[in-house]
Amino acid sequence: MSRPFRALMLLLLLASCGSSDYRAPRDLENACAIVKERPHYLRAMQRTERKYGAPVPVLMAMIHQESKFIGNAKTPRSYALGVIPMGRISSAYGYSQALDGTWEEYQKETRNRRARRDDIDDATDFMGWYMTKTVQKNGIPMYDARNQYLAYHEGHAGFRRGSYRSKGWLVNVANRVASRAQTYQAQLIACRRY
C-alpha cells in the first residue's frame, strides 16, 4: 500500500470515530422500542432518576417534546423580510433544548465544564438538575409532567408569574407531554423496563 493511501485510510478511520449519530429513534411513540433501539438512553435516564428523582417517563416525554430525541436539534432560523437569514430563534440546542445561559449555569454549578447538550447523559443530567430547581423554587413534584414542562419552557420566574396562562398553545403542549409521560410509563411497565 502506498503511503498516501495509508494516510487517507487512517484519516477516514479517525474521522469515523469522532462522528455521532444524532438521528431520532425509529418509533418515537413506543417507549419500549426507543429503549430497545437505544439502551444507553434508558441507562442515562435511570442515572438521572437515581440522582435527582426525575422519573424516566417524564424525562422521555419532555425530551420527545423538546427535540424528538435528535441529539443536535436546533431551533429554526429566523428571516427578515422572509428571505434574509437572521440567525436562530434562540440558542436552544441538543436533546434538552437547553439555552446557552442556562446550560452555562448548569456547567458552573455542577462543575461539569465538559458537559455537552448533544450527549444524552449530560442532557438528562441537566434536565434532572433543572427539575430539582423547579421543585425547590415552585414546589412542583417531579412526577407532575405537565407543570414541570411549563416551568421548563417558561423558566422558574415565568412559571411563577403564570406567563403560560396567556399561551393556550403551550398549555396544550404541556397537556400532551403529561399524556405522553403516562403512555411511556405504561409501556415501560408492560415491557418490564420501569
Protein backbone atom coordinates (compact mmCIF):
# COMPACT_ATOMS: atom_id res chain seq x y z
CA MET A 1 0.00 0.00 0.00
CA SER A 2 1.27 3.45 -0.81
CA ARG A 3 1.98 5.93 1.94
CA PRO A 4 -0.67 8.49 0.83
CA PHE A 5 -3.32 5.75 0.66
CA ARG A 6 -2.47 4.55 4.21
CA ALA A 7 -2.60 8.13 5.47
CA LEU A 8 -6.01 8.63 3.84
CA MET A 9 -7.34 5.39 5.37
CA LEU A 10 -6.06 6.40 8.82
CA LEU A 11 -7.67 9.82 8.46
CA LEU A 12 -11.02 8.26 7.47
CA LEU A 13 -10.85 5.84 10.39
CA LEU A 14 -10.16 8.65 12.86
CA ALA A 15 -12.94 10.79 11.39
CA SER A 16 -15.44 7.96 11.75
CA CYS A 17 -14.56 7.51 15.43
CA GLY A 18 -15.44 11.12 16.20
CA SER A 19 -18.78 11.19 14.44
CA SER A 20 -22.04 10.81 16.36
CA ASP A 21 -25.39 9.52 15.28
CA TYR A 22 -27.88 12.21 16.25
CA ARG A 23 -30.85 10.72 14.39
CA ALA A 24 -34.07 10.07 16.25
CA PRO A 25 -35.03 6.50 17.13
CA ARG A 26 -37.34 4.92 14.56
CA ASP A 27 -40.51 4.61 16.71
CA LEU A 28 -41.00 7.63 18.97
CA GLU A 29 -44.48 6.54 20.00
CA ASN A 30 -43.29 3.43 21.83
CA ALA A 31 -41.02 3.79 24.86
CA CYS A 32 -40.03 0.11 24.70
CA ALA A 33 -38.96 0.47 21.08
CA ILE A 34 -36.91 3.57 21.97
CA VAL A 35 -35.02 1.83 24.77
CA LYS A 36 -34.58 -1.35 22.74
CA GLU A 37 -33.03 0.63 19.90
CA ARG A 38 -31.04 2.96 22.18
CA PRO A 39 -30.44 1.19 25.53
CA HIS A 40 -27.95 3.88 26.54
CA TYR A 41 -30.85 6.39 26.60
CA LEU A 42 -32.56 4.34 29.31
CA ARG A 43 -29.33 3.99 31.31
CA ALA A 44 -28.79 7.76 31.16
CA MET A 45 -32.35 8.46 32.32
CA GLN A 46 -32.15 5.85 35.08
CA ARG A 47 -28.97 7.51 36.40
CA THR A 48 -30.79 10.84 36.38
CA GLU A 49 -33.76 9.29 38.18
CA ARG A 50 -31.48 7.86 40.89
CA LYS A 51 -29.54 11.12 41.26
CA TYR A 52 -32.39 13.64 41.19
CA GLY A 53 -35.63 11.67 41.42
CA ALA A 54 -36.80 12.73 37.95
CA PRO A 55 -38.96 9.86 36.63
CA VAL A 56 -37.80 8.20 33.41
CA PRO A 57 -41.23 8.57 31.67
CA VAL A 58 -41.32 12.31 32.45
CA LEU A 59 -37.78 12.76 31.11
CA MET A 60 -38.66 10.79 27.98
CA ALA A 61 -41.82 12.80 27.35
CA MET A 62 -40.02 16.12 27.79
CA ILE A 63 -37.14 15.08 25.51
CA HIS A 64 -39.67 13.90 22.93
CA GLN A 65 -41.34 17.31 23.02
CA GLU A 66 -38.14 19.32 23.01
CA SER A 67 -36.05 17.51 20.40
CA LYS A 68 -37.79 14.31 19.29
CA PHE A 69 -34.62 12.59 20.60
CA ILE A 70 -32.46 14.33 17.98
CA GLY A 71 -29.13 14.99 19.67
CA ASN A 72 -28.12 18.05 17.67
CA ALA A 73 -31.58 19.62 17.35
CA LYS A 74 -31.62 23.38 16.86
CA THR A 75 -34.40 25.92 16.72
CA PRO A 76 -35.49 27.12 13.28
CA ARG A 77 -33.79 30.07 11.62
CA SER A 78 -35.49 33.45 11.58
CA TYR A 79 -35.66 35.55 8.42
CA ALA A 80 -36.08 39.27 7.83
CA LEU A 81 -38.49 40.06 5.02
CA GLY A 82 -38.97 36.31 4.69
CA VAL A 83 -35.64 35.76 2.90
CA ILE A 84 -32.69 37.32 4.75
CA PRO A 85 -31.30 34.86 7.36
CA MET A 86 -31.10 36.47 10.80
CA GLY A 87 -29.86 33.53 12.88
CA ARG A 88 -31.69 31.07 15.09
CA ILE A 89 -34.86 31.87 17.05
CA SER A 90 -33.00 31.01 20.27
CA SER A 91 -29.80 29.37 21.48
CA ALA A 92 -31.64 26.16 22.40
CA TYR A 93 -29.67 23.11 21.35
CA GLY A 94 -29.46 19.36 21.81
CA TYR A 95 -31.68 16.71 23.35
CA SER A 96 -32.87 19.01 26.13
CA GLN A 97 -33.02 22.19 24.03
CA ALA A 98 -31.18 23.98 26.84
CA LEU A 99 -30.42 27.65 26.28
CA ASP A 100 -26.80 28.83 26.35
CA GLY A 101 -27.14 30.76 29.61
CA THR A 102 -28.98 28.03 31.49
CA TRP A 103 -26.54 25.40 30.24
CA GLU A 104 -23.59 27.52 31.40
CA GLU A 105 -25.24 27.90 34.83
CA TYR A 106 -25.63 24.10 34.99
CA GLN A 107 -22.00 23.54 33.98
CA LYS A 108 -20.76 26.00 36.59
CA GLU A 109 -22.97 24.75 39.41
CA THR A 110 -22.27 21.06 38.75
CA ARG A 111 -18.59 21.71 37.96
CA ASN A 112 -19.03 19.80 34.73
CA ARG A 113 -17.49 22.15 32.16
CA ARG A 114 -17.16 19.31 29.65
CA ALA A 115 -20.90 18.59 29.61
CA ARG A 116 -22.40 18.70 26.11
CA ARG A 117 -26.00 19.29 25.15
CA ASP A 118 -25.74 16.72 22.35
CA ASP A 119 -24.76 13.96 24.82
CA ILE A 120 -27.76 12.07 26.23
CA ASP A 121 -26.06 11.53 29.61
CA ASP A 122 -25.33 15.23 30.04
CA ALA A 123 -28.72 16.31 28.65
CA THR A 124 -30.70 14.10 31.03
CA ASP A 125 -28.50 15.15 33.95
CA PHE A 126 -29.21 18.78 33.05
CA MET A 127 -32.94 18.09 32.98
CA GLY A 128 -32.82 16.41 36.38
CA TRP A 129 -30.83 19.35 37.76
CA TYR A 130 -33.35 21.82 36.32
CA MET A 131 -36.37 19.84 37.52
CA THR A 132 -34.86 19.75 41.03
CA LYS A 133 -34.69 23.54 40.95
CA THR A 134 -38.32 23.58 39.80
CA VAL A 135 -39.29 21.55 42.87
CA GLN A 136 -37.33 23.93 45.12
CA LYS A 137 -38.49 27.19 43.54
CA ASN A 138 -42.05 26.35 42.51
CA GLY A 139 -42.99 23.31 44.57
CA ILE A 140 -43.85 21.22 41.50
CA PRO A 141 -43.43 17.48 42.14
CA MET A 142 -41.08 15.59 39.82
CA TYR A 143 -43.90 13.33 38.58
CA ASP A 144 -46.08 16.32 37.53
CA ALA A 145 -45.04 16.25 33.88
CA ARG A 146 -47.47 18.99 32.84
CA ASN A 147 -46.28 21.66 35.26
CA GLN A 148 -42.65 20.54 35.17
CA TYR A 149 -42.80 21.09 31.40
CA LEU A 150 -44.45 24.50 31.77
CA ALA A 151 -41.72 25.58 34.20
CA TYR A 152 -39.06 24.12 31.90
CA HIS A 153 -40.41 26.07 28.93
CA GLU A 154 -41.20 29.36 30.68
CA GLY A 155 -38.41 29.37 33.25
CA HIS A 156 -38.91 29.38 37.00
CA ALA A 157 -39.83 33.06 37.26
CA GLY A 158 -42.09 32.89 34.20
CA PHE A 159 -43.95 29.93 35.65
CA ARG A 160 -44.38 31.75 38.99
CA ARG A 161 -45.82 34.76 37.13
CA GLY A 162 -48.16 32.46 35.20
CA SER A 163 -46.87 33.56 31.80
CA TYR A 164 -48.13 30.30 30.30
CA ARG A 165 -51.76 31.21 31.07
CA SER A 166 -51.92 33.53 28.07
CA LYS A 167 -50.43 30.84 25.81
CA GLY A 168 -53.15 28.34 25.07
CA TRP A 169 -50.92 26.54 22.58
CA LEU A 170 -48.30 25.97 25.32
CA VAL A 171 -50.87 24.64 27.79
CA ASN A 172 -52.00 22.19 25.08
CA VAL A 173 -48.37 21.11 24.52
CA ALA A 174 -47.88 20.62 28.28
CA ASN A 175 -51.04 18.50 28.42
CA ARG A 176 -49.65 16.35 25.58
CA VAL A 177 -46.35 15.99 27.46
CA ALA A 178 -48.25 14.77 30.54
CA SER A 179 -50.28 12.33 28.44
CA ARG A 180 -47.14 11.04 26.72
CA ALA A 181 -45.41 10.56 30.10
CA GLN A 182 -48.35 8.39 31.25
CA THR A 183 -48.26 6.42 27.99
CA TYR A 184 -44.50 5.92 28.20
CA GLN A 185 -44.82 4.79 31.82
CA ALA A 186 -47.48 2.19 30.96
CA GLN A 187 -45.37 0.96 28.02
CA LEU A 188 -42.21 0.70 30.11
CA ILE A 189 -44.07 -1.23 32.80
CA ALA A 190 -45.53 -3.58 30.16
CA CYS A 191 -42.10 -4.36 28.70
CA ARG A 192 -40.59 -4.58 32.22
CA ARG A 193 -38.19 -1.71 31.75
CA TYR A 194 -39.53 0.50 34.56
